[in-house]
Amino acid sequence: ILVIASVIIALVVVFFAFGYLGAFTSTPTVTEAGYGTISGTTLKVTLVSSGNVNIIGIEYGGKSCPASATLTAGTNTVDISISNLGIKPVPGEQYSFTLVLSDGGTVTVTATAA
């Protein structure tokens, strides 16, 4: 009976160890906090990230261009140029962009033109 109990305990320990290990090696989760704003050709957005990751691109309406911003764990406010996307923002209108992350993930953000 002690052997069976030991095996069960060992399996439970291994299960939790690998479960927690997976959490430490997974890619960060990035979400938008509220809505962003567009001023001229700059998108300003606040993102919440569970870990460190870079924004390497931005997409809108089938067009894409490089972008550069670093996100750390927690709340981050970033400014991203949208000048190469060929958008002429109309004040009061909302726009949705897809941000491309260095880990291969994406995050969709919504912003209102000022």
Protein backbone atom coordinates (compact mmCIF):
# COMPACT_ATOMS: atom_id res chain seq x y z
CA ILE A 1 0.00 0.00 0.00
CA LEU A 2 2.87 2.39 0.76
CA VAL A 3 4.38 1.68 -2.67
CA ILE A 4 1.11 2.48 -4.43
CA ALA A 5 0.68 5.66 -2.40
CA SER A 6 4.28 6.68 -3.19
CA VAL A 7 3.70 6.13 -6.92
CA ILE A 8 0.50 8.19 -6.85
CA ILE A 9 2.23 11.00 -4.97
CA ALA A 10 5.15 10.91 -7.41
CA LEU A 11 2.77 11.15 -10.38
CA VAL A 12 0.92 14.08 -8.83
CA VAL A 13 4.23 15.88 -8.15
CA VAL A 14 5.41 15.28 -11.74
CA PHE A 15 2.06 16.47 -13.12
CA PHE A 16 2.21 19.74 -11.18
CA ALA A 17 5.90 20.24 -11.92
CA PHE A 18 5.36 19.97 -15.67
CA GLY A 19 2.17 22.02 -15.44
CA TYR A 20 3.99 24.88 -13.73
CA LEU A 21 7.03 24.48 -15.99
CA GLY A 22 4.77 24.94 -19.00
CA ALA A 23 3.43 28.15 -17.51
CA PHE A 24 6.94 29.57 -17.17
CA THR A 25 7.94 28.71 -20.75
CA SER A 26 4.74 29.80 -22.50
CA THR A 27 4.50 32.93 -24.62
CA PRO A 28 3.26 36.12 -22.99
CA THR A 29 -0.39 37.10 -23.22
CA VAL A 30 -0.93 40.62 -24.53
CA THR A 31 -4.27 42.47 -24.37
CA GLU A 32 -5.39 46.02 -24.99
CA ALA A 33 -6.38 48.08 -21.96
CA GLY A 34 -9.22 50.38 -23.04
CA TYR A 35 -9.08 52.05 -26.45
CA GLY A 36 -6.16 53.63 -28.23
CA THR A 37 -5.99 57.00 -29.93
CA ILE A 38 -4.68 58.12 -33.28
CA SER A 39 -3.09 61.54 -33.53
CA GLY A 40 -1.78 62.40 -36.97
CA THR A 41 0.20 59.34 -38.02
CA THR A 42 0.80 57.98 -34.52
CA LEU A 43 -1.17 55.23 -32.83
CA LYS A 44 -1.02 55.42 -29.03
CA VAL A 45 -2.24 52.32 -27.25
CA THR A 46 -2.03 50.85 -23.75
CA LEU A 47 -1.31 47.14 -23.58
CA VAL A 48 -1.10 44.71 -20.69
CA SER A 49 1.47 41.95 -21.10
CA SER A 50 2.15 38.92 -18.94
CA GLY A 51 5.83 38.94 -19.97
CA ASN A 52 8.48 40.52 -22.17
CA VAL A 53 7.83 40.61 -25.92
CA ASN A 54 8.46 43.03 -28.80
CA ILE A 55 6.04 44.51 -31.30
CA ILE A 56 7.64 44.00 -34.71
CA GLY A 57 4.87 44.98 -37.11
CA ILE A 58 1.46 46.55 -37.60
CA GLU A 59 -1.28 45.61 -40.06
CA TYR A 60 -4.36 47.44 -41.32
CA GLY A 61 -6.65 46.70 -44.24
CA GLY A 62 -4.33 44.22 -45.92
CA LYS A 63 -1.29 46.48 -45.56
CA SER A 64 1.55 45.93 -43.13
CA CYS A 65 4.72 47.69 -42.09
CA PRO A 66 7.46 47.21 -39.53
CA ALA A 67 7.01 48.57 -36.04
CA SER A 68 9.25 48.68 -33.01
CA ALA A 69 8.17 48.69 -29.39
CA THR A 70 9.14 46.66 -26.35
CA LEU A 71 6.56 45.35 -23.90
CA THR A 72 7.49 44.29 -20.40
CA ALA A 73 5.34 42.45 -17.88
CA GLY A 74 2.58 44.77 -16.73
CA THR A 75 0.98 47.84 -18.31
CA ASN A 76 2.75 49.48 -21.26
CA THR A 77 1.80 52.58 -23.26
CA VAL A 78 3.37 52.57 -26.71
CA ASP A 79 3.43 54.93 -29.70
CA ILE A 80 3.53 53.29 -33.11
CA SER A 81 3.86 55.06 -36.44
CA ILE A 82 1.09 54.27 -38.93
CA SER A 83 2.44 56.59 -41.65
CA ASN A 84 3.43 53.71 -43.94
CA LEU A 85 -0.08 52.19 -43.86
CA GLY A 86 -1.50 54.96 -46.06
CA ILE A 87 -4.31 55.86 -43.67
CA LYS A 88 -5.83 59.32 -43.45
CA PRO A 89 -7.65 59.07 -40.11
CA VAL A 90 -11.03 60.80 -39.88
CA PRO A 91 -11.56 62.42 -36.47
CA GLY A 92 -14.05 60.45 -34.36
CA GLU A 93 -13.78 57.29 -36.47
CA GLN A 94 -12.58 54.01 -34.96
CA TYR A 95 -9.89 51.88 -36.56
CA SER A 96 -8.75 48.33 -35.79
CA PHE A 97 -5.11 47.35 -36.16
CA THR A 98 -3.31 44.06 -35.72
CA LEU A 99 0.00 44.25 -33.90
CA VAL A 100 2.50 41.51 -34.76
CA LEU A 101 4.59 40.25 -31.85
CA SER A 102 8.12 38.83 -31.90
CA ASP A 103 6.89 35.51 -30.51
CA GLY A 104 4.65 35.00 -33.55
CA GLY A 105 1.48 36.13 -31.79
CA THR A 106 -0.81 38.98 -32.70
CA VAL A 107 -3.07 41.34 -30.80
CA THR A 108 -5.93 43.39 -32.26
CA VAL A 109 -6.29 46.92 -30.97
CA THR A 110 -8.98 49.54 -31.54
CA ALA A 111 -8.25 53.25 -31.68
CA THR A 112 -10.24 56.42 -32.24
CA ALA A 113 -8.84 59.19 -34.40
CA ALA A 114 -8.47 62.53 -32.63
